Amino acid sequence: MKLGGFLIVVKDIGRSLKYYHELFGLEMLVDNDGNMILSGGLVLQEEKYWRRFIGKDVHGHNNSCELYFEDENVDAFYEKLKTLYPETEFVNLPMTHTWGQRVMRFYDPDGNLIEVGEPM
């Protein structure tokens, strides 16, 4: 068995595709009308379908998991993010952990937590 990817719920799949492409360079591989598979194993599921599938409400900003990306220059990524998406809600501005890794955390437009860190 292998992990097939990681699914996040989004309100507007077109907006989310643009967001993840502009910031992280992810490309759409499959479009199943409300369910998109992106490069890197990320799957976007439109909220209206997800609610129907699981029969429960969706809660953004739940802080129970995060998408983790690596970038050689977290500070340059931070500037890009502020320029493209100035309304971004940050959890941590760029900071350096005690073990020397530079990271930042923020929410995507749907409240999914994202971390960007320098490779270890």
PDB file of N, CA and C in Angstrom:
ATOM      1  N   MET A   1       0.842  -1.175   0.000  1.00  0.00           N
ATOM      2  CA  MET A   1       0.000   0.000   0.000  1.00  0.00           C
ATOM      3  C   MET A   1       0.883   1.232   0.000  1.00  0.00           C
ATOM      4  N   LYS A   2       0.385   2.308  -0.623  1.00  0.00           N
ATOM      5  CA  LYS A   2       1.118   3.569  -0.601  1.00  0.00           C
ATOM      6  C   LYS A   2       0.145   4.716  -0.379  1.00  0.00           C
ATOM      7  N   LEU A   3       0.661   5.781   0.159  1.00  0.00           N
ATOM      8  CA  LEU A   3      -0.137   6.987   0.349  1.00  0.00           C
ATOM      9  C   LEU A   3      -0.369   7.615  -1.016  1.00  0.00           C
ATOM     10  N   GLY A   4      -1.626   7.879  -1.347  1.00  0.00           N
ATOM     11  CA  GLY A   4      -1.961   8.418  -2.651  1.00  0.00           C
ATOM     12  C   GLY A   4      -1.957   9.931  -2.720  1.00  0.00           C
ATOM     13  N   GLY A   5      -1.967  10.592  -1.589  1.00  0.00           N
ATOM     14  CA  GLY A   5      -1.983  12.047  -1.590  1.00  0.00           C
ATOM     15  C   GLY A   5      -2.596  12.575  -0.315  1.00  0.00           C
ATOM     16  N   PHE A   6      -2.828  13.868  -0.302  1.00  0.00           N
ATOM     17  CA  PHE A   6      -3.400  14.542   0.849  1.00  0.00           C
ATOM     18  C   PHE A   6      -4.503  15.447   0.347  1.00  0.00           C
ATOM     19  N   LEU A   7      -5.725  15.282   0.872  1.00  0.00           N
ATOM     20  CA  LEU A   7      -6.888  16.027   0.408  1.00  0.00           C
ATOM     21  C   LEU A   7      -7.209  17.157   1.377  1.00  0.00           C
ATOM     22  N   ILE A   8      -7.451  18.338   0.823  1.00  0.00           N
ATOM     23  CA  ILE A   8      -7.947  19.458   1.623  1.00  0.00           C
ATOM     24  C   ILE A   8      -9.252  19.950   1.019  1.00  0.00           C
ATOM     25  N   VAL A   9     -10.110  20.473   1.868  1.00  0.00           N
ATOM     26  CA  VAL A   9     -11.413  20.971   1.447  1.00  0.00           C
ATOM     27  C   VAL A   9     -11.311  22.468   1.188  1.00  0.00           C
ATOM     28  N   VAL A  10     -11.883  22.901   0.052  1.00  0.00           N
ATOM     29  CA  VAL A  10     -11.835  24.306  -0.346  1.00  0.00           C
ATOM     30  C   VAL A  10     -13.226  24.764  -0.786  1.00  0.00           C
ATOM     31  N   LYS A  11     -13.497  26.042  -0.629  1.00  0.00           N
ATOM     32  CA  LYS A  11     -14.791  26.592  -1.022  1.00  0.00           C
ATOM     33  C   LYS A  11     -14.880  26.833  -2.532  1.00  0.00           C
ATOM     34  N   ASP A  12     -13.809  27.321  -3.129  1.00  0.00           N
ATOM     35  CA  ASP A  12     -13.777  27.661  -4.551  1.00  0.00           C
ATOM     36  C   ASP A  12     -12.554  26.989  -5.167  1.00  0.00           C
ATOM     37  N   ILE A  13     -12.779  25.922  -5.895  1.00  0.00           N
ATOM     38  CA  ILE A  13     -11.673  25.114  -6.400  1.00  0.00           C
ATOM     39  C   ILE A  13     -10.820  25.871  -7.418  1.00  0.00           C
ATOM     40  N   GLY A  14     -11.433  26.744  -8.209  1.00  0.00           N
ATOM     41  CA  GLY A  14     -10.669  27.549  -9.168  1.00  0.00           C
ATOM     42  C   GLY A  14      -9.728  28.518  -8.470  1.00  0.00           C
ATOM     43  N   ARG A  15     -10.225  29.166  -7.437  1.00  0.00           N
ATOM     44  CA  ARG A  15      -9.398  30.085  -6.649  1.00  0.00           C
ATOM     45  C   ARG A  15      -8.242  29.328  -5.998  1.00  0.00           C
ATOM     46  N   SER A  16      -8.541  28.150  -5.459  1.00  0.00           N
ATOM     47  CA  SER A  16      -7.505  27.366  -4.786  1.00  0.00           C
ATOM     48  C   SER A  16      -6.457  26.850  -5.765  1.00  0.00           C
ATOM     49  N   LEU A  17      -6.877  26.437  -6.946  1.00  0.00           N
ATOM     50  CA  LEU A  17      -5.920  26.007  -7.964  1.00  0.00           C
ATOM     51  C   LEU A  17      -4.963  27.150  -8.296  1.00  0.00           C
ATOM     52  N   LYS A  18      -5.500  28.338  -8.489  1.00  0.00           N
ATOM     53  CA  LYS A  18      -4.663  29.518  -8.774  1.00  0.00           C
ATOM     54  C   LYS A  18      -3.696  29.779  -7.613  1.00  0.00           C
ATOM     55  N   TYR A  19      -4.185  29.718  -6.393  1.00  0.00           N
ATOM     56  CA  TYR A  19      -3.385  29.966  -5.193  1.00  0.00           C
ATOM     57  C   TYR A  19      -2.202  28.997  -5.116  1.00  0.00           C
ATOM     58  N   TYR A  20      -2.484  27.707  -5.222  1.00  0.00           N
ATOM     59  CA  TYR A  20      -1.421  26.712  -5.079  1.00  0.00           C
ATOM     60  C   TYR A  20      -0.480  26.686  -6.282  1.00  0.00           C
ATOM     61  N   HIS A  21      -0.964  27.121  -7.427  1.00  0.00           N
ATOM     62  CA  HIS A  21      -0.075  27.235  -8.584  1.00  0.00           C
ATOM     63  C   HIS A  21       0.836  28.454  -8.450  1.00  0.00           C
ATOM     64  N   GLU A  22       0.260  29.614  -8.136  1.00  0.00           N
ATOM     65  CA  GLU A  22       1.059  30.842  -8.028  1.00  0.00           C
ATOM     66  C   GLU A  22       2.112  30.767  -6.933  1.00  0.00           C
ATOM     67  N   LEU A  23       1.745  30.221  -5.789  1.00  0.00           N
ATOM     68  CA  LEU A  23       2.674  30.213  -4.654  1.00  0.00           C
ATOM     69  C   LEU A  23       3.637  29.032  -4.660  1.00  0.00           C
ATOM     70  N   PHE A  24       3.162  27.867  -5.054  1.00  0.00           N
ATOM     71  CA  PHE A  24       3.961  26.646  -4.894  1.00  0.00           C
ATOM     72  C   PHE A  24       4.298  25.948  -6.209  1.00  0.00           C
ATOM     73  N   GLY A  25       3.783  26.469  -7.319  1.00  0.00           N
ATOM     74  CA  GLY A  25       4.087  25.884  -8.617  1.00  0.00           C
ATOM     75  C   GLY A  25       3.386  24.562  -8.889  1.00  0.00           C
ATOM     76  N   LEU A  26       2.348  24.229  -8.111  1.00  0.00           N
ATOM     77  CA  LEU A  26       1.643  22.969  -8.334  1.00  0.00           C
ATOM     78  C   LEU A  26       0.789  23.065  -9.597  1.00  0.00           C
ATOM     79  N   GLU A  27       0.742  21.985 -10.334  1.00  0.00           N
ATOM     80  CA  GLU A  27      -0.013  21.911 -11.581  1.00  0.00           C
ATOM     81  C   GLU A  27      -1.181  20.948 -11.426  1.00  0.00           C
ATOM     82  N   MET A  28      -2.277  21.248 -12.125  1.00  0.00           N
ATOM     83  CA  MET A  28      -3.411  20.345 -12.121  1.00  0.00           C
ATOM     84  C   MET A  28      -3.083  19.134 -12.993  1.00  0.00           C
ATOM     85  N   LEU A  29      -3.275  17.945 -12.443  1.00  0.00           N
ATOM     86  CA  LEU A  29      -3.061  16.712 -13.190  1.00  0.00           C
ATOM     87  C   LEU A  29      -4.384  16.107 -13.646  1.00  0.00           C
ATOM     88  N   VAL A  30      -5.401  16.179 -12.775  1.00  0.00           N
ATOM     89  CA  VAL A  30      -6.713  15.602 -13.064  1.00  0.00           C
ATOM     90  C   VAL A  30      -7.775  16.548 -12.543  1.00  0.00           C
ATOM     91  N   ASP A  31      -8.819  16.785 -13.353  1.00  0.00           N
ATOM     92  CA  ASP A  31      -9.956  17.603 -12.937  1.00  0.00           C
ATOM     93  C   ASP A  31     -11.206  16.746 -13.025  1.00  0.00           C
ATOM     94  N   ASN A  32     -11.766  16.399 -11.864  1.00  0.00           N
ATOM     95  CA  ASN A  32     -12.967  15.573 -11.803  1.00  0.00           C
ATOM     96  C   ASN A  32     -14.169  16.379 -11.341  1.00  0.00           C
ATOM     97  N   ASP A  33     -14.305  17.621 -11.822  1.00  0.00           N
ATOM     98  CA  ASP A  33     -15.457  18.452 -11.498  1.00  0.00           C
ATOM     99  C   ASP A  33     -15.717  18.517  -9.992  1.00  0.00           C
ATOM    100  N   GLY A  34     -14.935  19.342  -9.325  1.00  0.00           N
ATOM    101  CA  GLY A  34     -15.075  19.506  -7.880  1.00  0.00           C
ATOM    102  C   GLY A  34     -14.051  18.729  -7.085  1.00  0.00           C
ATOM    103  N   ASN A  35     -13.213  17.981  -7.777  1.00  0.00           N
ATOM    104  CA  ASN A  35     -12.130  17.232  -7.157  1.00  0.00           C
ATOM    105  C   ASN A  35     -10.949  17.306  -8.112  1.00  0.00           C
ATOM    106  N   MET A  36      -9.864  17.940  -7.678  1.00  0.00           N
ATOM    107  CA  MET A  36      -8.678  18.096  -8.527  1.00  0.00           C
ATOM    108  C   MET A  36      -7.475  17.459  -7.869  1.00  0.00           C
ATOM    109  N   ILE A  37      -6.731  16.740  -8.670  1.00  0.00           N
ATOM    110  CA  ILE A  37      -5.460  16.196  -8.211  1.00  0.00           C
ATOM    111  C   ILE A  37      -4.370  17.103  -8.766  1.00  0.00           C
ATOM    112  N   LEU A  38      -3.527  17.611  -7.866  1.00  0.00           N
ATOM    113  CA  LEU A  38      -2.430  18.489  -8.262  1.00  0.00           C
ATOM    114  C   LEU A  38      -1.111  17.732  -8.156  1.00  0.00           C
ATOM    115  N   SER A  39      -0.104  18.250  -8.838  1.00  0.00           N
ATOM    116  CA  SER A  39       1.234  17.678  -8.709  1.00  0.00           C
ATOM    117  C   SER A  39       1.648  17.745  -7.239  1.00  0.00           C
ATOM    118  N   GLY A  40       2.528  16.861  -6.847  1.00  0.00           N
ATOM    119  CA  GLY A  40       2.968  16.824  -5.455  1.00  0.00           C
ATOM    120  C   GLY A  40       2.049  16.019  -4.551  1.00  0.00           C
ATOM    121  N   GLY A  41       0.938  15.504  -5.090  1.00  0.00           N
ATOM    122  CA  GLY A  41       0.039  14.674  -4.299  1.00  0.00           C
ATOM    123  C   GLY A  41      -1.060  15.421  -3.562  1.00  0.00           C
ATOM    124  N   LEU A  42      -1.191  16.725  -3.809  1.00  0.00           N
ATOM    125  CA  LEU A  42      -2.253  17.489  -3.147  1.00  0.00           C
ATOM    126  C   LEU A  42      -3.554  17.338  -3.932  1.00  0.00           C
ATOM    127  N   VAL A  43      -4.631  17.050  -3.221  1.00  0.00           N
ATOM    128  CA  VAL A  43      -5.958  16.931  -3.825  1.00  0.00           C
ATOM    129  C   VAL A  43      -6.839  18.029  -3.244  1.00  0.00           C
ATOM    130  N   LEU A  44      -7.536  18.747  -4.113  1.00  0.00           N
ATOM    131  CA  LEU A  44      -8.496  19.771  -3.702  1.00  0.00           C
ATOM    132  C   LEU A  44      -9.893  19.200  -3.862  1.00  0.00           C
ATOM    133  N   GLN A  45     -10.693  19.278  -2.816  1.00  0.00           N
ATOM    134  CA  GLN A  45     -12.082  18.806  -2.856  1.00  0.00           C
ATOM    135  C   GLN A  45     -12.983  19.981  -2.538  1.00  0.00           C
ATOM    136  N   GLU A  46     -13.909  20.294  -3.436  1.00  0.00           N
ATOM    137  CA  GLU A  46     -14.812  21.410  -3.203  1.00  0.00           C
ATOM    138  C   GLU A  46     -15.755  21.092  -2.038  1.00  0.00           C
ATOM    139  N   GLU A  47     -15.929  22.067  -1.156  1.00  0.00           N
ATOM    140  CA  GLU A  47     -16.658  21.872   0.099  1.00  0.00           C
ATOM    141  C   GLU A  47     -18.064  21.314  -0.096  1.00  0.00           C
ATOM    142  N   LYS A  48     -18.786  21.782  -1.104  1.00  0.00           N
ATOM    143  CA  LYS A  48     -20.169  21.327  -1.280  1.00  0.00           C
ATOM    144  C   LYS A  48     -20.232  19.817  -1.525  1.00  0.00           C
ATOM    145  N   TYR A  49     -19.238  19.274  -2.207  1.00  0.00           N
ATOM    146  CA  TYR A  49     -19.207  17.824  -2.431  1.00  0.00           C
ATOM    147  C   TYR A  49     -18.763  17.090  -1.170  1.00  0.00           C
ATOM    148  N   TRP A  50     -17.769  17.645  -0.493  1.00  0.00           N
ATOM    149  CA  TRP A  50     -17.240  17.012   0.719  1.00  0.00           C
ATOM    150  C   TRP A  50     -18.332  16.878   1.778  1.00  0.00           C
ATOM    151  N   ARG A  51     -19.116  17.931   1.957  1.00  0.00           N
ATOM    152  CA  ARG A  51     -20.209  17.882   2.931  1.00  0.00           C
ATOM    153  C   ARG A  51     -21.196  16.770   2.592  1.00  0.00           C
ATOM    154  N   ARG A  52     -21.471  16.621   1.300  1.00  0.00           N
ATOM    155  CA  ARG A  52     -22.404  15.579   0.876  1.00  0.00           C
ATOM    156  C   ARG A  52     -21.810  14.184   1.121  1.00  0.00           C
ATOM    157  N   PHE A  53     -20.504  14.035   0.863  1.00  0.00           N
ATOM    158  CA  PHE A  53     -19.858  12.730   1.041  1.00  0.00           C
ATOM    159  C   PHE A  53     -19.812  12.303   2.500  1.00  0.00           C
ATOM    160  N   ILE A  54     -19.458  13.240   3.393  1.00  0.00           N
ATOM    161  CA  ILE A  54     -19.271  12.841   4.797  1.00  0.00           C
ATOM    162  C   ILE A  54     -20.459  13.181   5.685  1.00  0.00           C
ATOM    163  N   GLY A  55     -21.365  14.033   5.215  1.00  0.00           N
ATOM    164  CA  GLY A  55     -22.546  14.380   6.000  1.00  0.00           C
ATOM    165  C   GLY A  55     -22.243  15.191   7.243  1.00  0.00           C
ATOM    166  N   LYS A  56     -21.155  15.952   7.208  1.00  0.00           N
ATOM    167  CA  LYS A  56     -20.760  16.768   8.355  1.00  0.00           C
ATOM    168  C   LYS A  56     -20.301  18.143   7.879  1.00  0.00           C
ATOM    169  N   ASP A  57     -20.290  19.104   8.798  1.00  0.00           N
ATOM    170  CA  ASP A  57     -19.784  20.434   8.491  1.00  0.00           C
ATOM    171  C   ASP A  57     -18.266  20.411   8.376  1.00  0.00           C
ATOM    172  N   VAL A  58     -17.749  21.375   7.663  1.00  0.00           N
ATOM    173  CA  VAL A  58     -16.308  21.540   7.486  1.00  0.00           C
ATOM    174  C   VAL A  58     -15.864  22.706   8.355  1.00  0.00           C
ATOM    175  N   HIS A  59     -14.751  22.539   9.069  1.00  0.00           N
ATOM    176  CA  HIS A  59     -14.254  23.573   9.971  1.00  0.00           C
ATOM    177  C   HIS A  59     -12.824  23.946   9.591  1.00  0.00           C
ATOM    178  N   GLY A  60     -12.656  25.127   8.997  1.00  0.00           N
ATOM    179  CA  GLY A  60     -11.317  25.641   8.724  1.00  0.00           C
ATOM    180  C   GLY A  60     -10.668  26.107  10.017  1.00  0.00           C
ATOM    181  N   HIS A  61      -9.401  26.417   9.946  1.00  0.00           N
ATOM    182  CA  HIS A  61      -8.647  26.894  11.102  1.00  0.00           C
ATOM    183  C   HIS A  61      -8.702  25.901  12.266  1.00  0.00           C
ATOM    184  N   ASN A  62      -8.729  24.602  11.968  1.00  0.00           N
ATOM    185  CA  ASN A  62      -8.808  23.632  13.063  1.00  0.00           C
ATOM    186  C   ASN A  62      -7.438  23.280  13.645  1.00  0.00           C
ATOM    187  N   ASN A  63      -6.374  23.661  12.967  1.00  0.00           N
ATOM    188  CA  ASN A  63      -5.010  23.521  13.487  1.00  0.00           C
ATOM    189  C   ASN A  63      -4.628  22.093  13.869  1.00  0.00           C
ATOM    190  N   SER A  64      -5.270  21.103  13.257  1.00  0.00           N
ATOM    191  CA  SER A  64      -4.956  19.716  13.602  1.00  0.00           C
ATOM    192  C   SER A  64      -3.960  19.081  12.632  1.00  0.00           C
ATOM    193  N   CYS A  65      -3.678  19.747  11.537  1.00  0.00           N
ATOM    194  CA  CYS A  65      -2.662  19.273  10.599  1.00  0.00           C
ATOM    195  C   CYS A  65      -2.224  20.465   9.750  1.00  0.00           C
ATOM    196  N   GLU A  66      -1.151  20.255   9.000  1.00  0.00           N
ATOM    197  CA  GLU A  66      -0.680  21.332   8.125  1.00  0.00           C
ATOM    198  C   GLU A  66      -0.103  20.744   6.858  1.00  0.00           C
ATOM    199  N   LEU A  67      -0.107  21.539   5.805  1.00  0.00           N
ATOM    200  CA  LEU A  67       0.641  21.216   4.597  1.00  0.00           C
ATOM    201  C   LEU A  67       2.043  21.764   4.807  1.00  0.00           C
ATOM    202  N   TYR A  68       3.049  20.981   4.490  1.00  0.00           N
ATOM    203  CA  TYR A  68       4.434  21.408   4.702  1.00  0.00           C
ATOM    204  C   TYR A  68       5.146  21.489   3.363  1.00  0.00           C
ATOM    205  N   PHE A  69       5.688  22.659   3.073  1.00  0.00           N
ATOM    206  CA  PHE A  69       6.465  22.889   1.862  1.00  0.00           C
ATOM    207  C   PHE A  69       7.857  23.344   2.262  1.00  0.00           C
ATOM    208  N   GLU A  70       8.831  23.088   1.402  1.00  0.00           N
ATOM    209  CA  GLU A  70      10.196  23.557   1.648  1.00  0.00           C
ATOM    210  C   GLU A  70      10.592  24.549   0.573  1.00  0.00           C
ATOM    211  N   ASP A  71      11.323  25.566   0.992  1.00  0.00           N
ATOM    212  CA  ASP A  71      11.846  26.588   0.098  1.00  0.00           C
ATOM    213  C   ASP A  71      13.216  26.990   0.616  1.00  0.00           C
ATOM    214  N   GLU A  72      14.151  27.166  -0.277  1.00  0.00           N
ATOM    215  CA  GLU A  72      15.515  27.540   0.110  1.00  0.00           C
ATOM    216  C   GLU A  72      15.584  28.907   0.784  1.00  0.00           C
ATOM    217  N   ASN A  73      14.606  29.780   0.470  1.00  0.00           N
ATOM    218  CA  ASN A  73      14.635  31.140   1.007  1.00  0.00           C
ATOM    219  C   ASN A  73      13.250  31.510   1.537  1.00  0.00           C
ATOM    220  N   VAL A  74      13.013  31.226   2.800  1.00  0.00           N
ATOM    221  CA  VAL A  74      11.712  31.489   3.420  1.00  0.00           C
ATOM    222  C   VAL A  74      11.381  32.983   3.401  1.00  0.00           C
ATOM    223  N   ASP A  75      12.374  33.826   3.586  1.00  0.00           N
ATOM    224  CA  ASP A  75      12.114  35.270   3.602  1.00  0.00           C
ATOM    225  C   ASP A  75      11.663  35.787   2.233  1.00  0.00           C
ATOM    226  N   ALA A  76      12.247  35.262   1.172  1.00  0.00           N
ATOM    227  CA  ALA A  76      11.814  35.649  -0.177  1.00  0.00           C
ATOM    228  C   ALA A  76      10.402  35.139  -0.441  1.00  0.00           C
ATOM    229  N   PHE A  77      10.101  33.924   0.019  1.00  0.00           N
ATOM    230  CA  PHE A  77       8.741  33.400  -0.133  1.00  0.00           C
ATOM    231  C   PHE A  77       7.739  34.272   0.635  1.00  0.00           C
ATOM    232  N   TYR A  78       8.113  34.692   1.829  1.00  0.00           N
ATOM    233  CA  TYR A  78       7.260  35.573   2.637  1.00  0.00           C
ATOM    234  C   TYR A  78       6.924  36.858   1.868  1.00  0.00           C
ATOM    235  N   GLU A  79       7.907  37.456   1.236  1.00  0.00           N
ATOM    236  CA  GLU A  79       7.671  38.677   0.455  1.00  0.00           C
ATOM    237  C   GLU A  79       6.738  38.401  -0.722  1.00  0.00           C
ATOM    238  N   LYS A  80       6.931  37.276  -1.394  1.00  0.00           N
ATOM    239  CA  LYS A  80       6.065  36.885  -2.508  1.00  0.00           C
ATOM    240  C   LYS A  80       4.629  36.698  -2.027  1.00  0.00           C
ATOM    241  N   LEU A  81       4.462  36.021  -0.904  1.00  0.00           N
ATOM    242  CA  LEU A  81       3.135  35.780  -0.347  1.00  0.00           C
ATOM    243  C   LEU A  81       2.445  37.093   0.016  1.00  0.00           C
ATOM    244  N   LYS A  82       3.181  38.000   0.669  1.00  0.00           N
ATOM    245  CA  LYS A  82       2.594  39.303   1.041  1.00  0.00           C
ATOM    246  C   LYS A  82       2.185  40.097  -0.191  1.00  0.00           C
ATOM    247  N   THR A  83       2.963  39.991  -1.267  1.00  0.00           N
ATOM    248  CA  THR A  83       2.654  40.721  -2.500  1.00  0.00           C
ATOM    249  C   THR A  83       1.427  40.145  -3.203  1.00  0.00           C
ATOM    250  N   LEU A  84       1.398  38.828  -3.361  1.00  0.00           N
ATOM    251  CA  LEU A  84       0.304  38.186  -4.098  1.00  0.00           C
ATOM    252  C   LEU A  84      -0.982  38.076  -3.282  1.00  0.00           C
ATOM    253  N   TYR A  85      -0.847  37.859  -1.975  1.00  0.00           N
ATOM    254  CA  TYR A  85      -2.000  37.631  -1.107  1.00  0.00           C
ATOM    255  C   TYR A  85      -1.846  38.437   0.187  1.00  0.00           C
ATOM    256  N   PRO A  86      -2.000  39.765   0.098  1.00  0.00           N
ATOM    257  CA  PRO A  86      -1.780  40.617   1.275  1.00  0.00           C
ATOM    258  C   PRO A  86      -2.762  40.366   2.418  1.00  0.00           C
ATOM    259  N   GLU A  87      -3.876  39.716   2.134  1.00  0.00           N
ATOM    260  CA  GLU A  87      -4.874  39.431   3.169  1.00  0.00           C
ATOM    261  C   GLU A  87      -4.550  38.165   3.968  1.00  0.00           C
ATOM    262  N   THR A  88      -3.417  37.540   3.712  1.00  0.00           N
ATOM    263  CA  THR A  88      -3.034  36.292   4.380  1.00  0.00           C
ATOM    264  C   THR A  88      -3.027  36.443   5.898  1.00  0.00           C
ATOM    265  N   GLU A  89      -3.586  35.445   6.569  1.00  0.00           N
ATOM    266  CA  GLU A  89      -3.565  35.390   8.031  1.00  0.00           C
ATOM    267  C   GLU A  89      -2.367  34.537   8.455  1.00  0.00           C
ATOM    268  N   PHE A  90      -1.441  35.148   9.163  1.00  0.00           N
ATOM    269  CA  PHE A  90      -0.208  34.472   9.580  1.00  0.00           C
ATOM    270  C   PHE A  90      -0.349  33.896  10.980  1.00  0.00           C
ATOM    271  N   VAL A  91       0.241  32.729  11.172  1.00  0.00           N
ATOM    272  CA  VAL A  91       0.362  32.117  12.488  1.00  0.00           C
ATOM    273  C   VAL A  91       1.733  32.481  13.060  1.00  0.00           C
ATOM    274  N   ASN A  92       2.765  32.288  12.245  1.00  0.00           N
ATOM    275  CA  ASN A  92       4.128  32.695  12.599  1.00  0.00           C
ATOM    276  C   ASN A  92       4.734  33.418  11.411  1.00  0.00           C
ATOM    277  N   LEU A  93       5.259  34.598  11.638  1.00  0.00           N
ATOM    278  CA  LEU A  93       6.069  35.255  10.612  1.00  0.00           C
ATOM    279  C   LEU A  93       7.384  34.484  10.529  1.00  0.00           C
ATOM    280  N   PRO A  94       8.190  34.702   9.496  1.00  0.00           N
ATOM    281  CA  PRO A  94       9.452  33.961   9.414  1.00  0.00           C
ATOM    282  C   PRO A  94      10.224  34.019  10.733  1.00  0.00           C
ATOM    283  N   MET A  95      10.624  32.835  11.190  1.00  0.00           N
ATOM    284  CA  MET A  95      11.337  32.692  12.456  1.00  0.00           C
ATOM    285  C   MET A  95      12.329  31.550  12.315  1.00  0.00           C
ATOM    286  N   THR A  96      13.287  31.515  13.204  1.00  0.00           N
ATOM    287  CA  THR A  96      14.272  30.438  13.193  1.00  0.00           C
ATOM    288  C   THR A  96      14.104  29.598  14.453  1.00  0.00           C
ATOM    289  N   HIS A  97      13.870  28.296  14.249  1.00  0.00           N
ATOM    290  CA  HIS A  97      13.753  27.372  15.382  1.00  0.00           C
ATOM    291  C   HIS A  97      15.117  27.197  16.053  1.00  0.00           C
ATOM    292  N   THR A  98      15.110  26.667  17.255  1.00  0.00           N
ATOM    293  CA  THR A  98      16.358  26.451  17.995  1.00  0.00           C
ATOM    294  C   THR A  98      17.305  25.506  17.263  1.00  0.00           C
ATOM    295  N   TRP A  99      16.791  24.643  16.410  1.00  0.00           N
ATOM    296  CA  TRP A  99      17.636  23.717  15.651  1.00  0.00           C
ATOM    297  C   TRP A  99      18.144  24.321  14.345  1.00  0.00           C
ATOM    298  N   GLY A 100      17.821  25.610  14.112  1.00  0.00           N
ATOM    299  CA  GLY A 100      18.391  26.347  12.994  1.00  0.00           C
ATOM    300  C   GLY A 100      17.544  26.432  11.742  1.00  0.00           C
ATOM    301  N   GLN A 101      16.389  25.798  11.718  1.00  0.00           N
ATOM    302  CA  GLN A 101      15.543  25.844  10.524  1.00  0.00           C
ATOM    303  C   GLN A 101      14.677  27.097  10.520  1.00  0.00           C
ATOM    304  N   ARG A 102      14.683  27.794   9.400  1.00  0.00           N
ATOM    305  CA  ARG A 102      13.841  28.996   9.229  1.00  0.00           C
ATOM    306  C   ARG A 102      12.492  28.548   8.676  1.00  0.00           C
ATOM    307  N   VAL A 103      11.405  28.999   9.317  1.00  0.00           N
ATOM    308  CA  VAL A 103      10.051  28.575   8.946  1.00  0.00           C
ATOM    309  C   VAL A 103       9.062  29.729   9.093  1.00  0.00           C
ATOM    310  N   MET A 104       7.884  29.523   8.528  1.00  0.00           N
ATOM    311  CA  MET A 104       6.746  30.413   8.730  1.00  0.00           C
ATOM    312  C   MET A 104       5.477  29.591   8.577  1.00  0.00           C
ATOM    313  N   ARG A 105       4.390  30.045   9.196  1.00  0.00           N
ATOM    314  CA  ARG A 105       3.104  29.356   9.099  1.00  0.00           C
ATOM    315  C   ARG A 105       2.002  30.383   8.833  1.00  0.00           C
ATOM    316  N   PHE A 106       1.029  29.941   8.046  1.00  0.00           N
ATOM    317  CA  PHE A 106      -0.086  30.809   7.671  1.00  0.00           C
ATOM    318  C   PHE A 106      -1.243  29.939   7.195  1.00  0.00           C
ATOM    319  N   TYR A 107      -2.393  30.565   6.996  1.00  0.00           N
ATOM    320  CA  TYR A 107      -3.578  29.863   6.503  1.00  0.00           C
ATOM    321  C   TYR A 107      -3.810  30.191   5.038  1.00  0.00           C
ATOM    322  N   ASP A 108      -4.260  29.190   4.282  1.00  0.00           N
ATOM    323  CA  ASP A 108      -4.704  29.464   2.919  1.00  0.00           C
ATOM    324  C   ASP A 108      -6.076  30.132   3.006  1.00  0.00           C
ATOM    325  N   PRO A 109      -6.667  30.547   1.888  1.00  0.00           N
ATOM    326  CA  PRO A 109      -7.954  31.260   1.957  1.00  0.00           C
ATOM    327  C   PRO A 109      -9.096  30.467   2.600  1.00  0.00           C
ATOM    328  N   ASP A 110      -8.946  29.148   2.724  1.00  0.00           N
ATOM    329  CA  ASP A 110      -9.992  28.319   3.318  1.00  0.00           C
ATOM    330  C   ASP A 110      -9.674  27.884   4.742  1.00  0.00           C
ATOM    331  N   GLY A 111      -8.605  28.423   5.309  1.00  0.00           N
ATOM    332  CA  GLY A 111      -8.261  28.097   6.686  1.00  0.00           C
ATOM    333  C   GLY A 111      -7.441  26.840   6.851  1.00  0.00           C
ATOM    334  N   ASN A 112      -6.848  26.332   5.767  1.00  0.00           N
ATOM    335  CA  ASN A 112      -5.935  25.196   5.866  1.00  0.00           C
ATOM    336  C   ASN A 112      -4.565  25.727   6.270  1.00  0.00           C
ATOM    337  N   LEU A 113      -3.976  25.131   7.303  1.00  0.00           N
ATOM    338  CA  LEU A 113      -2.699  25.583   7.832  1.00  0.00           C
ATOM    339  C   LEU A 113      -1.550  25.119   6.928  1.00  0.00           C
ATOM    340  N   ILE A 114      -0.647  26.042   6.627  1.00  0.00           N
ATOM    341  CA  ILE A 114       0.512  25.771   5.774  1.00  0.00           C
ATOM    342  C   ILE A 114       1.775  26.188   6.504  1.00  0.00           C
ATOM    343  N   GLU A 115       2.803  25.375   6.406  1.00  0.00           N
ATOM    344  CA  GLU A 115       4.134  25.725   6.884  1.00  0.00           C
ATOM    345  C   GLU A 115       5.077  25.728   5.692  1.00  0.00           C
ATOM    346  N   VAL A 116       5.920  26.721   5.619  1.00  0.00           N
ATOM    347  CA  VAL A 116       7.005  26.768   4.643  1.00  0.00           C
ATOM    348  C   VAL A 116       8.291  26.845   5.449  1.00  0.00           C
ATOM    349  N   GLY A 117       9.183  25.892   5.201  1.00  0.00           N
ATOM    350  CA  GLY A 117      10.435  25.840   5.933  1.00  0.00           C
ATOM    351  C   GLY A 117      11.611  25.609   5.009  1.00  0.00           C
ATOM    352  N   GLU A 118      12.762  26.065   5.450  1.00  0.00           N
ATOM    353  CA  GLU A 118      13.981  25.782   4.700  1.00  0.00           C
ATOM    354  C   GLU A 118      14.317  24.303   4.863  1.00  0.00           C
ATOM    355  N   PRO A 119      14.840  23.671   3.824  1.00  0.00           N
ATOM    356  CA  PRO A 119      15.215  22.245   3.946  1.00  0.00           C
ATOM    357  C   PRO A 119      16.219  22.052   5.077  1.00  0.00           C
ATOM    358  N   MET A 120      16.091  20.939   5.750  1.00  0.00           N
ATOM    359  CA  MET A 120      17.011  20.617   6.842  1.00  0.00           C
ATOM    360  C   MET A 120      18.231  19.890   6.298  1.00  0.00           C
TER     361      MET A 120
END
